[in-house]
C-alpha atoms as a PDB file:
ATOM      1  CA  MET A   1     -24.667   0.850  22.129  1.00  0.00           C
ATOM      2  CA  ASP A   2     -26.095   1.745  18.762  1.00  0.00           C
ATOM      3  CA  ASN A   3     -24.171   5.051  18.274  1.00  0.00           C
ATOM      4  CA  ALA A   4     -22.329   4.022  15.196  1.00  0.00           C
ATOM      5  CA  ILE A   5     -19.500   6.214  14.022  1.00  0.00           C
ATOM      6  CA  ARG A   6     -17.104   6.298  11.084  1.00  0.00           C
ATOM      7  CA  ILE A   7     -13.539   7.826  11.370  1.00  0.00           C
ATOM      8  CA  GLN A   8     -10.877   8.155   8.818  1.00  0.00           C
ATOM      9  CA  LEU A   9      -7.473   7.267  10.449  1.00  0.00           C
ATOM     10  CA  PRO A  10      -4.172   7.675   8.772  1.00  0.00           C
ATOM     11  CA  VAL A  11      -1.564   4.936   9.695  1.00  0.00           C
ATOM     12  CA  SER A  12       2.137   5.207   8.760  1.00  0.00           C
ATOM     13  CA  VAL A  13       4.264   2.081   8.072  1.00  0.00           C
ATOM     14  CA  THR A  14       7.944   2.585   7.625  1.00  0.00           C
ATOM     15  CA  TYR A  15       9.796   0.999   4.760  1.00  0.00           C
ATOM     16  CA  HIS A  16      12.124  -0.596   7.339  1.00  0.00           C
ATOM     17  CA  ALA A  17       9.044  -2.350   8.825  1.00  0.00           C
ATOM     18  CA  ILE A  18       8.074  -3.677   5.351  1.00  0.00           C
ATOM     19  CA  GLU A  19      11.666  -4.715   4.714  1.00  0.00           C
ATOM     20  CA  GLU A  20      11.672  -6.938   7.848  1.00  0.00           C
ATOM     21  CA  VAL A  21       8.625  -8.738   6.621  1.00  0.00           C
ATOM     22  CA  LEU A  22      10.170  -9.304   3.131  1.00  0.00           C
ATOM     23  CA  LYS A  23      13.333 -10.577   4.690  1.00  0.00           C
ATOM     24  CA  LYS A  24      11.322 -13.053   6.714  1.00  0.00           C
ATOM     25  CA  GLN A  25       9.448 -14.126   3.594  1.00  0.00           C
ATOM     26  CA  LEU A  26      12.284 -14.367   1.098  1.00  0.00           C
ATOM     27  CA  ILE A  27      15.838 -14.968   2.653  1.00  0.00           C
ATOM     28  CA  GLY A  28      16.908 -18.456   2.132  1.00  0.00           C
ATOM     29  CA  GLU A  29      14.430 -19.234  -0.622  1.00  0.00           C
ATOM     30  CA  PHE A  30      15.710 -21.107  -3.692  1.00  0.00           C
ATOM     31  CA  ILE A  31      14.908 -20.006  -7.314  1.00  0.00           C
ATOM     32  CA  PRO A  32      13.064 -22.041  -8.618  1.00  0.00           C
ATOM     33  CA  LYS A  33      11.784 -23.689  -5.403  1.00  0.00           C
ATOM     34  CA  PRO A  34      12.863 -27.319  -5.566  1.00  0.00           C
ATOM     35  CA  GLU A  35      10.002 -29.772  -6.266  1.00  0.00           C
ATOM     36  CA  ALA A  36       9.586 -33.143  -4.589  1.00  0.00           C
ATOM     37  CA  GLY A  37      10.625 -36.059  -6.711  1.00  0.00           C
ATOM     38  CA  THR A  38      13.034 -33.997  -9.050  1.00  0.00           C
ATOM     39  CA  ASP A  39      16.729 -33.777  -9.133  1.00  0.00           C
ATOM     40  CA  GLU A  40      16.834 -30.415 -10.883  1.00  0.00           C
ATOM     41  CA  ALA A  41      19.096 -27.994  -9.057  1.00  0.00           C
ATOM     42  CA  PRO A  42      17.919 -24.487  -8.286  1.00  0.00           C
ATOM     43  CA  TYR A  43      19.458 -21.503 -10.245  1.00  0.00           C
ATOM     44  CA  ALA A  44      19.943 -19.311  -7.268  1.00  0.00           C
ATOM     45  CA  GLN A  45      19.357 -18.690  -3.565  1.00  0.00           C
ATOM     46  CA  LEU A  46      18.115 -15.369  -2.070  1.00  0.00           C
ATOM     47  CA  LEU A  47      20.623 -13.929   0.553  1.00  0.00           C
ATOM     48  CA  ASP A  48      19.077 -10.509   1.316  1.00  0.00           C
ATOM     49  CA  VAL A  49      16.404  -7.995   0.290  1.00  0.00           C
ATOM     50  CA  GLY A  50      15.909  -4.282   0.866  1.00  0.00           C
ATOM     51  CA  ILE A  51      13.235  -1.733  -0.092  1.00  0.00           C
ATOM     52  CA  VAL A  52      13.250   2.016  -0.632  1.00  0.00           C
ATOM     53  CA  LYS A  53      10.894   4.491  -2.250  1.00  0.00           C
ATOM     54  CA  SER A  54      11.742   5.312  -5.979  1.00  0.00           C
ATOM     55  CA  SER A  55      12.851   8.979  -6.317  1.00  0.00           C
ATOM     56  CA  ALA A  56      11.726   9.031 -10.018  1.00  0.00           C
ATOM     57  CA  ILE A  57       8.163   7.676 -10.055  1.00  0.00           C
ATOM     58  CA  ALA A  58       5.311   8.319  -7.439  1.00  0.00           C
ATOM     59  CA  ASN A  59       3.906   4.826  -7.073  1.00  0.00           C
ATOM     60  CA  GLU A  60       7.179   2.869  -7.376  1.00  0.00           C
ATOM     61  CA  VAL A  61       9.576   1.316  -4.996  1.00  0.00           C
ATOM     62  CA  VAL A  62      13.053  -0.146  -5.646  1.00  0.00           C
ATOM     63  CA  LEU A  63      13.783  -3.637  -4.273  1.00  0.00           C
ATOM     64  CA  ALA A  64      17.452  -4.528  -3.865  1.00  0.00           C
ATOM     65  CA  ILE A  65      17.824  -8.286  -3.904  1.00  0.00           C
ATOM     66  CA  LYS A  66      21.026 -10.168  -3.337  1.00  0.00           C
ATOM     67  CA  ILE A  67      21.336 -13.658  -4.730  1.00  0.00           C
ATOM     68  CA  LYS A  68      23.892 -16.450  -4.908  1.00  0.00           C
ATOM     69  CA  ILE A  69      23.969 -18.011  -8.359  1.00  0.00           C
ATOM     70  CA  LEU A  70      24.261 -21.861  -8.127  1.00  0.00           C
ATOM     71  CA  ARG A  71      24.355 -22.887 -11.740  1.00  0.00           C
ATOM     72  CA  THR A  72      27.877 -23.490 -13.162  1.00  0.00           C
ATOM     73  CA  MET A  73      27.635 -21.145 -16.282  1.00  0.00           C
ATOM     74  CA  LEU A  74      26.617 -18.103 -14.289  1.00  0.00           C
ATOM     75  CA  LYS A  75      27.895 -19.197 -10.857  1.00  0.00           C
ATOM     76  CA  ARG A  76      28.830 -16.404  -8.506  1.00  0.00           C
ATOM     77  CA  ASP A  77      28.815 -16.008  -4.738  1.00  0.00           C
ATOM     78  CA  GLN A  78      26.784 -12.872  -4.718  1.00  0.00           C
ATOM     79  CA  VAL A  79      25.007 -10.711  -7.326  1.00  0.00           C
ATOM     80  CA  GLU A  80      22.799  -7.707  -6.810  1.00  0.00           C
ATOM     81  CA  LEU A  81      19.461  -7.305  -8.624  1.00  0.00           C
ATOM     82  CA  PHE A  82      17.501  -4.019  -8.625  1.00  0.00           C
ATOM     83  CA  VAL A  83      13.784  -4.194  -9.173  1.00  0.00           C
ATOM     84  CA  GLN A  84      11.762  -1.125 -10.056  1.00  0.00           C
ATOM     85  CA  ALA A  85       8.370  -2.130  -8.900  1.00  0.00           C
ATOM     86  CA  THR A  86       4.907  -0.559  -9.285  1.00  0.00           C
ATOM     87  CA  LEU A  87       2.785  -1.492  -6.170  1.00  0.00           C
ATOM     88  CA  ASP A  88      -0.887  -1.980  -6.045  1.00  0.00           C
ATOM     89  CA  TYR A  89      -3.418  -2.902  -3.363  1.00  0.00           C
ATOM     90  CA  ASP A  90      -5.537  -6.109  -3.406  1.00  0.00           C
ATOM     91  CA  GLN A  91      -8.697  -4.874  -1.532  1.00  0.00           C
ATOM     92  CA  ALA A  92     -10.334  -8.384  -1.255  1.00  0.00           C
ATOM     93  CA  ASN A  93      -7.275  -9.951   0.324  1.00  0.00           C
ATOM     94  CA  GLU A  94      -5.991  -6.759   2.042  1.00  0.00           C
ATOM     95  CA  GLN A  95      -2.533  -7.323   0.527  1.00  0.00           C
ATOM     96  CA  LEU A  96      -0.021  -4.898  -1.079  1.00  0.00           C
ATOM     97  CA  TYR A  97       1.656  -6.603  -4.078  1.00  0.00           C
ATOM     98  CA  VAL A  98       3.905  -5.960  -7.147  1.00  0.00           C
ATOM     99  CA  GLN A  99       1.823  -5.210 -10.227  1.00  0.00           C
ATOM    100  CA  GLN A 100       4.647  -4.391 -12.714  1.00  0.00           C
ATOM    101  CA  PHE A 101       8.388  -4.509 -12.430  1.00  0.00           C
ATOM    102  CA  ASN A 102      11.625  -3.920 -14.333  1.00  0.00           C
ATOM    103  CA  LEU A 103      14.615  -6.022 -13.170  1.00  0.00           C
ATOM    104  CA  GLN A 104      18.296  -5.156 -13.716  1.00  0.00           C
ATOM    105  CA  SER A 105      21.576  -6.716 -12.805  1.00  0.00           C
ATOM    106  CA  ARG A 106      24.651  -4.556 -12.034  1.00  0.00           C
ATOM    107  CA  THR A 107      27.953  -6.369 -12.440  1.00  0.00           C
ATOM    108  CA  SER A 108      31.126  -5.337 -14.361  1.00  0.00           C
ATOM    109  CA  SER A 109      30.178  -7.743 -17.202  1.00  0.00           C
ATOM    110  CA  GLY A 110      27.577  -6.484 -19.615  1.00  0.00           C
ATOM    111  CA  LEU A 111      27.167 -10.060 -21.136  1.00  0.00           C
ATOM    112  CA  TYR A 112      26.696 -11.478 -17.698  1.00  0.00           C
ATOM    113  CA  ASN A 113      24.212  -8.884 -16.815  1.00  0.00           C
ATOM    114  CA  THR A 114      22.193  -9.670 -19.921  1.00  0.00           C
ATOM    115  CA  ALA A 115      22.245 -13.413 -19.389  1.00  0.00           C
ATOM    116  CA  LEU A 116      21.275 -13.049 -15.720  1.00  0.00           C
ATOM    117  CA  GLU A 117      18.448 -10.517 -16.423  1.00  0.00           C
ATOM    118  CA  VAL A 118      16.969 -12.898 -19.029  1.00  0.00           C
ATOM    119  CA  LEU A 119      17.105 -15.788 -16.338  1.00  0.00           C
ATOM    120  CA  ALA A 120      15.891 -13.655 -13.476  1.00  0.00           C
ATOM    121  CA  ASN A 121      13.071 -12.000 -15.403  1.00  0.00           C
ATOM    122  CA  LYS A 122      11.886 -15.545 -16.492  1.00  0.00           C
ATOM    123  CA  VAL A 123      11.461 -16.654 -12.918  1.00  0.00           C
ATOM    124  CA  ALA A 124      11.345 -13.407 -10.874  1.00  0.00           C
ATOM    125  CA  TYR A 125       7.573 -12.821 -10.710  1.00  0.00           C
ATOM    126  CA  ASN A 126       6.545 -16.347  -9.771  1.00  0.00           C
ATOM    127  CA  GLN A 127       9.396 -17.123  -7.520  1.00  0.00           C
ATOM    128  CA  ILE A 128      10.151 -13.820  -5.802  1.00  0.00           C
ATOM    129  CA  LEU A 129       7.766 -11.048  -6.485  1.00  0.00           C
ATOM    130  CA  LYS A 130       4.522 -13.154  -6.299  1.00  0.00           C
ATOM    131  CA  LYS A 131       5.576 -14.151  -2.889  1.00  0.00           C
ATOM    132  CA  ALA A 132       6.691 -10.711  -1.768  1.00  0.00           C
ATOM    133  CA  ARG A 133       3.012  -9.687  -0.818  1.00  0.00           C
ATOM    134  CA  ILE A 134       2.548  -7.560   2.257  1.00  0.00           C
ATOM    135  CA  ASP A 135      -0.508  -8.887   4.261  1.00  0.00           C
ATOM    136  CA  LEU A 136      -1.910  -5.665   5.879  1.00  0.00           C
ATOM    137  CA  ARG A 137      -4.563  -7.481   7.784  1.00  0.00           C
ATOM    138  CA  GLU A 138      -1.896  -8.005  10.534  1.00  0.00           C
ATOM    139  CA  ILE A 139      -1.174  -4.310  10.675  1.00  0.00           C
ATOM    140  CA  ILE A 140      -4.984  -3.637  10.807  1.00  0.00           C
ATOM    141  CA  SER A 141      -5.730  -6.190  13.489  1.00  0.00           C
ATOM    142  CA  LYS A 142      -2.968  -4.676  15.767  1.00  0.00           C
ATOM    143  CA  GLU A 143      -4.487  -1.191  15.283  1.00  0.00           C
ATOM    144  CA  LEU A 144      -7.928  -2.659  16.057  1.00  0.00           C
ATOM    145  CA  GLY A 145      -6.628  -4.254  19.215  1.00  0.00           C
ATOM    146  CA  LYS A 146      -4.911  -1.163  20.407  1.00  0.00           C
ATOM    147  CA  ALA A 147      -8.118   0.988  19.826  1.00  0.00           C
ATOM    148  CA  ASN A 148     -10.469  -1.473  21.624  1.00  0.00           C
ATOM    149  CA  SER A 149      -8.080  -1.803  24.512  1.00  0.00           C
ATOM    150  CA  THR A 150      -8.023   1.981  24.977  1.00  0.00           C
ATOM    151  CA  LEU A 151     -11.763   2.315  24.556  1.00  0.00           C
ATOM    152  CA  ASP A 152     -12.596  -0.489  26.887  1.00  0.00           C
ATOM    153  CA  GLU A 153     -10.851   1.325  29.749  1.00  0.00           C
ATOM    154  CA  GLY A 154     -12.175   4.693  28.504  1.00  0.00           C
ATOM    155  CA  LEU A 155     -10.284   7.294  26.464  1.00  0.00           C
ATOM    156  CA  VAL A 156     -10.164  10.499  28.402  1.00  0.00           C
ATOM    157  CA  LEU A 157     -10.036  13.603  26.382  1.00  0.00           C
ATOM    158  CA  LYS A 158     -10.495  17.251  27.432  1.00  0.00           C
ATOM    159  CA  GLY A 159     -13.707  17.196  29.531  1.00  0.00           C
ATOM    160  CA  ILE A 160     -14.878  13.934  27.874  1.00  0.00           C
ATOM    161  CA  LYS A 161     -14.457  10.152  28.492  1.00  0.00           C
ATOM    162  CA  LEU A 162     -15.127   7.961  25.406  1.00  0.00           C
ATOM    163  CA  LYS A 163     -16.065   4.303  25.827  1.00  0.00           C
ATOM    164  CA  GLY A 164     -17.025   1.764  23.191  1.00  0.00           C
ATOM    165  CA  THR A 165     -15.782  -0.813  20.613  1.00  0.00           C
ATOM    166  CA  VAL A 166     -14.155  -0.547  17.072  1.00  0.00           C
ATOM    167  CA  GLU A 167     -16.008  -3.258  14.954  1.00  0.00           C
ATOM    168  CA  THR A 168     -14.448  -2.897  11.479  1.00  0.00           C
ATOM    169  CA  VAL A 169     -11.349  -1.357   9.881  1.00  0.00           C
ATOM    170  CA  ARG A 170     -10.993  -0.894   6.157  1.00  0.00           C
ATOM    171  CA  ILE A 171      -8.161   0.407   4.018  1.00  0.00           C
ATOM    172  CA  HIS A 172      -9.392   3.100   1.596  1.00  0.00           C
ATOM    173  CA  GLU A 173      -6.086   4.467   0.284  1.00  0.00           C
ATOM    174  CA  VAL A 174      -2.468   3.344   0.060  1.00  0.00           C
ATOM    175  CA  ASN A 175       0.062   6.127  -0.658  1.00  0.00           C
ATOM    176  CA  LEU A 176       3.897   5.811  -0.996  1.00  0.00           C
ATOM    177  CA  LEU A 177       5.749   8.530   0.796  1.00  0.00           C
ATOM    178  CA  PRO A 178       9.542   9.126   0.649  1.00  0.00           C
ATOM    179  CA  ASN A 179      10.203   7.420   3.973  1.00  0.00           C
ATOM    180  CA  ARG A 180       7.035   5.476   4.762  1.00  0.00           C
ATOM    181  CA  LEU A 181       3.855   3.906   3.530  1.00  0.00           C
ATOM    182  CA  LEU A 182       0.683   5.883   4.364  1.00  0.00           C
ATOM    183  CA  LEU A 183      -2.588   3.880   4.876  1.00  0.00           C
ATOM    184  CA  LEU A 184      -5.905   5.805   5.155  1.00  0.00           C
ATOM    185  CA  LEU A 185      -8.165   3.524   7.304  1.00  0.00           C
ATOM    186  CA  GLU A 186     -11.883   3.868   7.804  1.00  0.00           C
ATOM    187  CA  VAL A 187     -12.791   2.779  11.275  1.00  0.00           C
ATOM    188  CA  GLN A 188     -16.333   1.977  12.178  1.00  0.00           C
ATOM    189  CA  GLY A 189     -17.626   1.205  15.679  1.00  0.00           C
ATOM    190  CA  ASN A 190     -19.823   2.195  18.553  1.00  0.00           C
ATOM    191  CA  LEU A 191     -19.023   4.999  21.001  1.00  0.00           C
ATOM    192  CA  GLU A 192     -20.623   6.698  23.959  1.00  0.00           C
ATOM    193  CA  ALA A 193     -19.369   9.971  25.506  1.00  0.00           C
ATOM    194  CA  ASP A 194     -19.476  10.887  29.162  1.00  0.00           C
ATOM    195  CA  ILE A 195     -18.982  14.620  29.613  1.00  0.00           C
ATOM    196  CA  HIS A 196     -17.621  15.279  33.041  1.00  0.00           C
ATOM    197  CA  ASP A 197     -16.358  18.887  32.651  1.00  0.00           C
ATOM    198  CA  LEU A 198     -18.506  20.994  30.450  1.00  0.00           C
ATOM    199  CA  LEU A 199     -16.667  24.261  31.264  1.00  0.00           C
ATOM    200  CA  SER A 200     -13.509  22.959  29.621  1.00  0.00           C
ATOM    201  CA  LEU A 201     -15.373  22.414  26.344  1.00  0.00           C
ATOM    202  CA  LEU A 202     -16.728  25.995  26.170  1.00  0.00           C
ATOM    203  CA  PRO A 203     -14.724  28.611  24.119  1.00  0.00           C
ATOM    204  CA  ALA A 204     -12.551  30.871  26.121  1.00  0.00           C
ATOM    205  CA  GLN A 205     -14.128  34.373  26.982  1.00  0.00           C
END
């Protein structure tokens, strides 16, 4: 078939779904990551991570990161870090990533907060945020598979049966909404339509 079409398709991804990916990527990681052949102990270990949309700024999210401090001077079983992060989209690699961030610690000690923030900001981007990239290719490939599975069998609409193949899917826009991430996809493929009930397509008299 050479009946190429292009369709813009909005796809929603909940922050909970993104959070599950971040948990898988980050929980248990040491900061900094131990290198082979060195005896230097890490500063901290990541225990948990969460993500919500920022209520203050349109293109920002808030990452809540729980860490265990391992070094003697700042040692604590659990500390919460809050990262105000600006997200951007890497079109070439189809990845959502943190472009800019501001990190804060919230404990009862102002001096401890300051010392921890200096330490955390020193290693946060390379050790945490650089790894916290969301690969959207997996989401795209799943949508592509669903679409082709449906079209292979034939998608029956009112009076029409569509068959064909979706060949490419590209992300055109990424928008942060209060409870989800909205991806605007451009879908390109080949379709043919088999009209089996012309009367149902005509306007009502």
